[in-house]
């Protein structure tokens, strides 16, 4: 049976070069990097190189990077560091379409006396910058807005958002987890105070990520202990994972515009094929700037769960929305915020490609999908 993977916004396959770079730290160089012998020194060298590689991808000095366990930890750390910095500022601005690792800590803060304002989006997933300007108040302590949506791939103007926040003297956190490796990032010029990435979204390992912290941004460690990461994140470092994160960032820097154009053309070919073969289809966010790899497609009067199962039985992996919400049968909060009509909400697929996907794999999906949608619609009608 074929084995085709189109769920790269959930997690990417480990690049062979990344796996090779990690291997020595899983075998001979297994020591604790805090140890003073040669095994510890090898770990420290691996961490130092990884920090430089992450900084290279993000366009910042290595000292601005806090290495951690991934996107959720990074987002939580940034949000709490910002709000703890000035207890008098109880107003936080975010959006209705953020990832759960942003919305959950904000919901918690709402129970602690903070006022959380979630900005809406337009029908194409775009953000109204005038609405952001109007929302900022003297007591606004933080703006937390993503760089690219994990479900639709819609990209927001991070630099413009950063400029607005800088003009108003408000801290700005950007969840750039989906953006990293798919679009250029220059953290020092974007106007961000905090920026989050995760290794497993760009062909690195799970369990390793990084948080950029601007030199002037307040910071409070979320995890406290023996003072690793210069006191910013305690706990023995996941050396193999962090080495893999660094290697993945280094590889991402080598990807040129031609590779991105190839992926965009592959996505466009997929979408054109779907629209041509299947009636009553919506491409969500199509008219907005989008990640080159992401297609979010809704089929009228179909069911996402059945479509995913049918395609999986045929050897093709796709998803409906964020992987951490895959057990949730309710329609996506992102699509609800975009006011996708109810008949389309329940029949949505997120198809996210990577640099490993081919034209033949797209053709295979287009061969199976029309019949899967037809079966789903028959069941939906019953």
Protein backbone atom coordinates (compact mmCIF):
# COMPACT_ATOMS: atom_id res chain seq x y z
CA UNK A 1 0.00 0.00 0.00
CA UNK A 2 1.18 3.54 -0.70
CA UNK A 3 2.41 5.60 2.25
CA UNK A 4 1.86 9.29 1.56
CA UNK A 5 2.07 11.99 4.22
CA UNK A 6 0.24 15.32 3.86
CA UNK A 7 0.05 16.41 7.53
CA UNK A 8 3.25 18.42 7.80
CA UNK A 9 1.73 21.28 9.79
CA UNK A 10 1.19 18.73 12.57
CA UNK A 11 4.71 17.30 12.40
CA UNK A 12 7.34 16.83 9.72
CA UNK A 13 9.50 13.80 8.96
CA UNK A 14 12.98 14.00 10.40
CA UNK A 15 15.47 15.03 7.74
CA UNK A 16 18.15 12.32 7.27
CA UNK A 17 20.90 14.89 7.81
CA UNK A 18 19.28 15.92 11.09
CA UNK A 19 19.09 12.29 12.21
CA UNK A 20 22.76 11.84 11.34
CA UNK A 21 23.73 14.93 13.32
CA UNK A 22 21.82 13.74 16.37
CA UNK A 23 23.22 10.20 16.35
CA UNK A 24 26.53 10.85 18.20
CA UNK A 25 24.63 12.51 21.07
CA UNK A 26 22.38 9.46 21.40
CA UNK A 27 25.36 7.11 21.53
CA UNK A 28 28.93 8.04 22.46
CA UNK A 29 28.40 11.67 23.59
CA UNK A 30 25.59 11.00 26.05
CA UNK A 31 27.02 12.94 29.00
CA UNK A 32 25.31 15.70 30.95
CA UNK A 33 26.43 19.03 29.44
CA UNK A 34 26.88 20.43 32.96
CA UNK A 35 29.62 17.87 33.70
CA UNK A 36 33.26 18.94 33.59
CA UNK A 37 34.67 15.89 31.75
CA UNK A 38 34.97 15.41 27.99
CA UNK A 39 31.53 13.85 27.74
CA UNK A 40 30.00 16.99 29.23
CA UNK A 41 32.17 19.20 27.03
CA UNK A 42 30.89 17.41 23.92
CA UNK A 43 27.34 18.15 25.01
CA UNK A 44 28.16 21.81 25.62
CA UNK A 45 29.69 22.13 22.17
CA UNK A 46 26.58 20.58 20.63
CA UNK A 47 24.34 23.03 22.46
CA UNK A 48 26.50 26.01 21.49
CA UNK A 49 26.44 25.08 17.81
CA UNK A 50 22.68 24.53 17.89
CA UNK A 51 22.14 27.93 19.49
CA UNK A 52 24.15 29.56 16.71
CA UNK A 53 22.18 27.68 14.06
CA UNK A 54 18.83 28.69 15.55
CA UNK A 55 20.01 32.28 15.82
CA UNK A 56 21.10 32.16 12.19
CA UNK A 57 17.62 31.17 11.06
CA UNK A 58 15.98 33.85 13.23
CA UNK A 59 18.46 36.60 12.37
CA UNK A 60 19.55 37.41 15.91
CA UNK A 61 22.55 37.04 18.25
CA UNK A 62 22.85 33.58 19.85
CA UNK A 63 22.48 35.10 23.32
CA UNK A 64 18.88 36.02 22.56
CA UNK A 65 17.87 32.36 22.18
CA UNK A 66 16.37 30.29 25.01
CA UNK A 67 16.44 26.60 24.11
CA UNK A 68 13.44 24.65 25.42
CA UNK A 69 11.07 21.72 24.85
CA UNK A 70 9.02 23.22 22.02
CA UNK A 71 6.28 25.60 21.01
CA UNK A 72 3.91 25.17 23.94
CA UNK A 73 6.60 25.89 26.50
CA UNK A 74 7.86 28.84 24.48
CA UNK A 75 4.42 30.40 24.11
CA UNK A 76 3.57 29.94 27.78
CA UNK A 77 6.92 31.34 28.90
CA UNK A 78 6.63 34.43 26.70
CA UNK A 79 3.06 35.22 27.71
CA UNK A 80 3.66 34.83 31.44
CA UNK A 81 6.96 36.73 31.33
CA UNK A 82 5.19 39.67 29.70
CA UNK A 83 2.19 39.84 32.01
CA UNK A 84 4.23 39.31 35.18
CA UNK A 85 6.47 42.24 34.24
CA UNK A 86 3.88 44.89 35.08
CA UNK A 87 1.04 43.68 37.34
CA UNK A 88 -0.81 46.98 36.80
CA UNK A 89 -1.37 46.21 33.13
CA UNK A 90 -4.25 43.76 33.10
CA UNK A 91 -5.32 44.00 29.44
CA UNK A 92 -4.08 41.42 26.90
CA UNK A 93 -4.80 41.37 23.16
CA UNK A 94 -4.73 38.24 21.04
CA UNK A 95 -6.95 36.74 18.34
CA UNK A 96 -9.74 34.21 17.98
CA UNK A 97 -7.63 31.98 15.70
CA UNK A 98 -4.54 31.39 17.84
CA UNK A 99 -3.20 27.94 18.69
CA UNK A 100 -4.32 26.33 21.93
CA UNK A 101 -0.88 26.88 23.47
CA UNK A 102 -1.67 30.61 23.37
CA UNK A 103 -5.41 30.53 24.05
CA UNK A 104 -5.11 28.19 27.07
CA UNK A 105 -2.72 30.37 29.12
CA UNK A 106 -4.78 33.41 28.19
CA UNK A 107 -7.93 31.65 29.42
CA UNK A 108 -6.11 30.88 32.67
CA UNK A 109 -5.06 34.51 33.04
CA UNK A 110 -8.68 35.57 32.52
CA UNK A 111 -9.50 33.67 35.73
CA UNK A 112 -6.77 35.63 37.52
CA UNK A 113 -8.20 39.09 36.92
CA UNK A 114 -6.82 39.80 33.45
CA UNK A 115 -9.01 41.10 30.64
CA UNK A 116 -8.31 39.14 27.46
CA UNK A 117 -9.51 40.69 24.20
CA UNK A 118 -9.56 38.36 21.20
CA UNK A 119 -9.59 40.13 17.85
CA UNK A 120 -11.68 38.66 15.07
CA UNK A 121 -10.59 37.96 11.50
CA UNK A 122 -12.22 38.53 8.14
CA UNK A 123 -13.67 35.78 5.96
CA UNK A 124 -10.26 35.14 4.44
CA UNK A 125 -8.50 34.88 7.80
CA UNK A 126 -6.96 38.34 7.59
CA UNK A 127 -6.35 40.59 10.59
CA UNK A 128 -7.60 44.18 10.71
CA UNK A 129 -4.62 46.28 11.83
CA UNK A 130 -6.88 49.26 12.51
CA UNK A 131 -8.83 47.08 14.93
CA UNK A 132 -5.56 46.22 16.65
CA UNK A 133 -4.63 49.89 16.94
CA UNK A 134 -8.04 50.71 18.40
CA UNK A 135 -7.85 47.84 20.90
CA UNK A 136 -4.54 48.92 22.48
CA UNK A 137 -5.08 50.81 25.74
CA UNK A 138 -2.83 52.39 28.37
CA UNK A 139 -3.25 49.24 30.49
CA UNK A 140 -2.44 46.81 27.64
CA UNK A 141 0.48 44.69 28.79
CA UNK A 142 0.82 42.30 25.88
CA UNK A 143 -0.17 41.67 22.28
CA UNK A 144 0.16 37.99 21.29
CA UNK A 145 -0.50 37.30 17.60
CA UNK A 146 0.71 34.46 15.39
CA UNK A 147 2.82 34.81 12.27
CA UNK A 148 1.00 32.15 10.23
CA UNK A 149 -2.09 30.13 11.00
CA UNK A 150 -1.52 26.41 11.56
CA UNK A 151 -4.84 25.44 9.95
CA UNK A 152 -5.24 27.75 6.95
CA UNK A 153 -1.65 28.88 6.41
CA UNK A 154 -2.78 32.53 6.31
CA UNK A 155 0.19 34.82 7.00
CA UNK A 156 -0.12 38.01 9.02
CA UNK A 157 2.12 41.11 8.65
CA UNK A 158 4.33 40.56 11.70
CA UNK A 159 6.55 43.55 10.99
CA UNK A 160 3.58 45.93 10.80
CA UNK A 161 2.11 44.48 13.99
CA UNK A 162 5.49 44.90 15.67
CA UNK A 163 5.67 48.51 14.54
CA UNK A 164 2.25 49.26 16.00
CA UNK A 165 3.21 47.66 19.32
CA UNK A 166 6.54 49.46 19.43
CA UNK A 167 4.86 52.83 18.80
CA UNK A 168 2.43 52.19 21.66
CA UNK A 169 5.05 50.79 24.03
CA UNK A 170 3.33 47.38 24.28
CA UNK A 171 5.15 44.04 24.46
CA UNK A 172 4.59 41.81 21.42
CA UNK A 173 4.79 38.02 21.35
CA UNK A 174 4.63 36.18 18.02
CA UNK A 175 3.93 32.47 17.70
CA UNK A 176 6.05 31.84 14.58
CA UNK A 177 5.95 28.05 14.85
CA UNK A 178 4.39 27.55 11.41
CA UNK A 179 6.34 30.41 9.83
CA UNK A 180 9.84 29.13 10.65
CA UNK A 181 11.44 27.31 7.75
CA UNK A 182 8.67 28.36 5.34
CA UNK A 183 9.26 32.10 5.18
CA UNK A 184 12.16 34.42 6.12
CA UNK A 185 12.32 35.60 9.74
CA UNK A 186 14.45 38.44 11.06
CA UNK A 187 13.53 38.67 14.73
CA UNK A 188 15.69 41.73 15.40
CA UNK A 189 13.92 43.82 12.76
CA UNK A 190 10.34 42.54 13.12
CA UNK A 191 9.56 44.50 16.26
CA UNK A 192 8.85 41.37 18.29
CA UNK A 193 9.79 41.02 21.96
CA UNK A 194 9.27 37.24 22.01
CA UNK A 195 9.12 34.77 19.13
CA UNK A 196 8.53 31.01 19.32
CA UNK A 197 9.60 28.12 17.07
CA UNK A 198 9.46 24.31 17.34
CA UNK A 199 11.83 21.78 15.79
CA UNK A 200 9.32 19.21 14.63
CA UNK A 201 7.60 21.70 12.33
CA UNK A 202 10.71 22.11 10.16
CA UNK A 203 12.05 18.55 9.84
CA UNK A 204 13.67 18.49 13.25
CA UNK A 205 12.80 16.33 16.27
CA UNK A 206 9.89 16.63 18.65
CA UNK A 207 10.63 17.89 22.15
CA UNK A 208 13.01 20.68 21.13
CA UNK A 209 12.24 24.32 20.42
CA UNK A 210 13.44 27.85 21.00
CA UNK A 211 12.20 31.18 22.25
CA UNK A 212 13.70 34.43 21.01
CA UNK A 213 13.74 37.14 23.71
CA UNK A 214 14.61 40.72 22.76
CA UNK A 215 17.41 42.23 24.86
CA UNK A 216 15.06 44.75 26.50
CA UNK A 217 12.13 42.36 27.02
CA UNK A 218 11.31 41.29 30.59
CA UNK A 219 11.81 37.61 31.30
CA UNK A 220 10.86 35.29 34.14
CA UNK A 221 11.81 31.60 33.94
CA UNK A 222 8.82 29.31 33.73
CA UNK A 223 10.90 26.30 34.80
CA UNK A 224 13.19 26.89 37.77
CA UNK A 225 15.93 24.73 39.20
CA UNK A 226 19.69 24.54 38.69
CA UNK A 227 19.90 27.50 36.34
CA UNK A 228 20.59 26.04 32.92
CA UNK A 229 20.24 28.33 29.88
CA UNK A 230 21.91 31.13 31.86
CA UNK A 231 19.17 30.92 34.45
CA UNK A 232 16.38 31.27 31.91
CA UNK A 233 15.26 27.65 31.65
CA UNK A 234 16.32 25.07 34.21
CA UNK A 235 16.51 21.33 33.65
CA UNK A 236 19.11 19.10 32.05
CA UNK A 237 19.11 19.93 28.37
CA UNK A 238 17.75 17.55 25.75
CA UNK A 239 21.07 17.59 23.91
CA UNK A 240 20.19 15.23 21.02
CA UNK A 241 16.91 17.04 20.41
CA UNK A 242 18.47 20.50 20.56
CA UNK A 243 21.29 19.41 18.25
CA UNK A 244 18.59 18.20 15.85
CA UNK A 245 16.74 21.50 16.13
CA UNK A 246 19.92 23.36 15.23
CA UNK A 247 20.62 21.11 12.28
CA UNK A 248 17.06 21.56 11.01
CA UNK A 249 17.41 25.34 11.26
CA UNK A 250 20.70 25.21 9.34
CA UNK A 251 19.04 23.15 6.59
CA UNK A 252 16.09 25.55 6.45
CA UNK A 253 18.48 28.42 5.78
CA UNK A 254 19.69 26.60 2.65
CA UNK A 255 16.21 26.44 1.09
CA UNK A 256 16.00 29.00 -1.68
CA UNK A 257 13.13 30.79 -3.42
CA UNK A 258 13.02 28.16 -6.14
CA UNK A 259 12.18 25.44 -3.62
CA UNK A 260 9.39 27.56 -2.14
CA UNK A 261 8.03 28.26 -5.63
CA UNK A 262 8.00 24.53 -6.40
CA UNK A 263 6.02 23.83 -3.26
CA UNK A 264 3.56 26.67 -3.97
CA UNK A 265 3.05 25.31 -7.50
CA UNK A 266 2.40 21.84 -6.07
CA UNK A 267 -0.17 23.22 -3.65
CA UNK A 268 -1.84 25.23 -6.43
CA UNK A 269 -1.97 22.14 -8.65
CA UNK A 270 -3.62 20.23 -5.82
CA UNK A 271 -6.23 22.92 -5.23
CA UNK A 272 -6.99 23.29 -8.94
CA UNK A 273 -7.44 19.53 -9.20
CA UNK A 274 -9.82 19.45 -6.24
CA UNK A 275 -11.96 22.30 -7.57
CA UNK A 276 -12.09 20.73 -11.03
CA UNK A 277 -13.09 17.26 -9.79
CA UNK A 278 -15.40 17.99 -6.85
CA UNK A 279 -18.38 20.38 -6.75
CA UNK A 280 -19.26 22.67 -3.84
CA UNK A 281 -15.76 23.21 -2.45
CA UNK A 282 -14.21 26.13 -0.55
CA UNK A 283 -10.48 26.88 -0.34
CA UNK A 284 -10.31 28.71 2.97
CA UNK A 285 -8.00 31.73 3.06
CA UNK A 286 -7.23 31.44 -0.66
CA UNK A 287 -7.18 35.19 -1.34
CA UNK A 288 -4.93 36.00 1.65
CA UNK A 289 -1.15 35.64 1.77
CA UNK A 290 -0.56 31.99 2.71
CA UNK A 291 2.20 29.56 3.51
CA UNK A 292 3.30 27.86 0.31
CA UNK A 293 2.63 24.40 1.74
CA UNK A 294 -0.84 24.71 3.24
CA UNK A 295 -4.30 24.10 1.78
CA UNK A 296 -7.46 24.17 3.90
CA UNK A 297 -10.39 22.76 1.94
CA UNK A 298 -14.04 22.49 2.98
CA UNK A 299 -16.53 20.21 1.21
CA UNK A 300 -20.22 21.00 1.51
CA UNK A 301 -22.24 18.35 3.40
CA UNK A 302 -19.32 16.04 4.16
CA UNK A 303 -17.70 14.81 7.37
CA UNK A 304 -14.00 15.34 8.12
CA UNK A 305 -13.63 12.21 10.24
CA UNK A 306 -14.90 9.91 7.50
CA UNK A 307 -12.75 11.60 4.85
CA UNK A 308 -9.62 11.21 6.98
CA UNK A 309 -10.38 7.54 7.64
CA UNK A 310 -11.09 6.81 3.97
CA UNK A 311 -7.88 8.46 2.81
CA UNK A 312 -5.86 6.79 5.55
CA UNK A 313 -7.20 3.41 4.42
CA UNK A 314 -5.89 4.33 0.99
CA UNK A 315 -2.45 5.13 2.35
CA UNK A 316 -2.73 8.93 2.49
CA UNK A 317 -2.48 10.95 5.73
CA UNK A 318 -4.26 14.30 6.08
CA UNK A 319 -5.93 16.08 9.00
CA UNK A 320 -8.89 18.29 9.79
CA UNK A 321 -7.23 20.85 12.06
CA UNK A 322 -4.52 21.06 14.71
CA UNK A 323 -3.13 17.66 15.68
CA UNK A 324 -3.59 18.39 19.38
CA UNK A 325 -7.31 18.80 18.68
CA UNK A 326 -7.67 15.79 16.38
CA UNK A 327 -9.91 13.99 18.85
CA UNK A 328 -12.27 16.95 18.92
CA UNK A 329 -15.20 16.37 16.55
CA UNK A 330 -16.37 19.98 16.84
CA UNK A 331 -15.65 22.26 13.88
CA UNK A 332 -12.47 24.30 13.97
CA UNK A 333 -12.52 27.50 16.02
CA UNK A 334 -10.42 29.05 13.25
CA UNK A 335 -13.03 28.38 10.56
CA UNK A 336 -15.83 29.56 12.85
CA UNK A 337 -13.95 32.82 13.35
CA UNK A 338 -13.68 33.10 9.54
CA UNK A 339 -17.46 32.63 9.32
CA UNK A 340 -17.26 29.59 7.07
CA UNK A 341 -20.90 28.61 6.35
CA UNK A 342 -22.27 25.80 8.49
CA UNK A 343 -22.78 23.31 5.62
CA UNK A 344 -19.02 23.42 4.96
CA UNK A 345 -17.72 23.48 8.53
CA UNK A 346 -17.91 19.75 9.23
CA UNK A 347 -16.24 18.62 6.01
CA UNK A 348 -12.84 20.31 6.17
CA UNK A 349 -9.41 18.87 5.42
CA UNK A 350 -6.06 20.48 6.13
CA UNK A 351 -3.58 19.27 3.52
CA UNK A 352 -0.06 20.41 4.40
CA UNK A 353 2.87 19.54 2.16
CA UNK A 354 6.63 19.44 2.70
CA UNK A 355 9.68 19.62 0.48
CA UNK A 356 9.60 15.80 0.28
CA UNK A 357 6.17 15.63 -1.41
CA UNK A 358 5.96 14.98 -5.14
CA UNK A 359 3.64 15.52 -8.09
CA UNK A 360 2.93 11.80 -8.12
CA UNK A 361 1.74 11.96 -4.50
CA UNK A 362 -0.56 14.87 -5.27
CA UNK A 363 -1.94 12.91 -8.21
CA UNK A 364 -2.57 9.95 -5.89
CA UNK A 365 -4.56 12.15 -3.51
CA UNK A 366 -6.58 13.61 -6.39
CA UNK A 367 -7.37 10.08 -7.55
CA UNK A 368 -8.83 9.03 -4.18
CA UNK A 369 -10.43 12.21 -2.90
CA UNK A 370 -13.48 12.59 -5.20
CA UNK A 371 -14.77 9.13 -4.34
CA UNK A 372 -14.11 9.69 -0.64
CA UNK A 373 -16.08 12.93 -0.70
CA UNK A 374 -18.94 11.28 -2.60
CA UNK A 375 -19.16 8.50 0.03
CA UNK A 376 -19.02 11.02 2.85
CA UNK A 377 -21.82 13.05 1.31
CA UNK A 378 -23.98 9.97 0.96
CA UNK A 379 -23.51 9.21 4.65
CA UNK A 380 -24.10 12.84 5.57
CA UNK A 381 -27.42 12.81 3.70
CA UNK A 382 -28.54 9.72 5.62
